[in-house]
Amino acid sequence: MTQLEYKLHIDNVIRRVEEARLKFSAHHIVKIVAVSKYVDSEAIKRLYEIGQRAFGENRVQDLRQKSQELEDLPLEWHFIGNLQKNKINNLLDINPFLFQALDSLELAHELQKRLEKREMKLETLIQINSAKEETKHGFMPEMAKDAYMQIKEECPNIDLKGVMSIGAHTNDKQKVKESFETTYRIYKELPDATICSMGMSGDFELAIECGSNMVRLGSIMFPK
């Protein structure tokens, strides 16, 4: 794919985001985070040249390597993966723009300890397991609001910005839609929440139509 063909491809993705956004509200703004976990730094640089600035990684070591290799570029790095407690210090060394997957109170308290020690804050989203699937991380929907408020109160160095979830893993579009609606409903109940991150390459239009204002797009942003 030439750079011109690539740009036309990305323009088409943006057009689809725009059409979905308008179905929700003319005033709605959606941010695209390009999930670069399966590509190298050269592929990230190529997409950067088209205009993409926000990139997401789900492994701390990959985030560190790529952020170092591309430190000359003004990129906005998101950590979107499950964070193990023994990787917290490594993540804080990188100091990403946003940590999208805070999935337990235990992790929140451990993160708070390390942040406090370093006298730093970290913008964060809590992960909601809105489809209640055993294979997914995150707070169950009925616990999410209370957990959010508890973290807000007990972990002042965690700067909560909203929620993240993954759509239901099924071909049943109605069930996927219901999982997004569940997350959005919780998001609207949270004080000062500004980010509702949901939607990936296969379901981002539906997620946006349900209220998502941040989508995490991988394969569609890096076509083979």
Foldseek 3Di string as FASTA:
>chain_A
DDLVVLLVLVVVVVVLLQVLLVLQPPPAAAAEEEECQPHALVLVVSLVVSPHAHYEYADLVRVVVNCVVPVVDNHQYEHEHDDDLVCLVSNVVVQGQEYEEAFDPVSLVSNLVVCVVVVAAHEYAYEEALLPDPVDGHHDLVCVQVSVVVSVVPRVRYRYAFHEYEFDPDPPVVRSLNSLLSRVVSRVVHPNHDAYEYEEPVCNSSSSNSPHRYYYYYCSSRPD
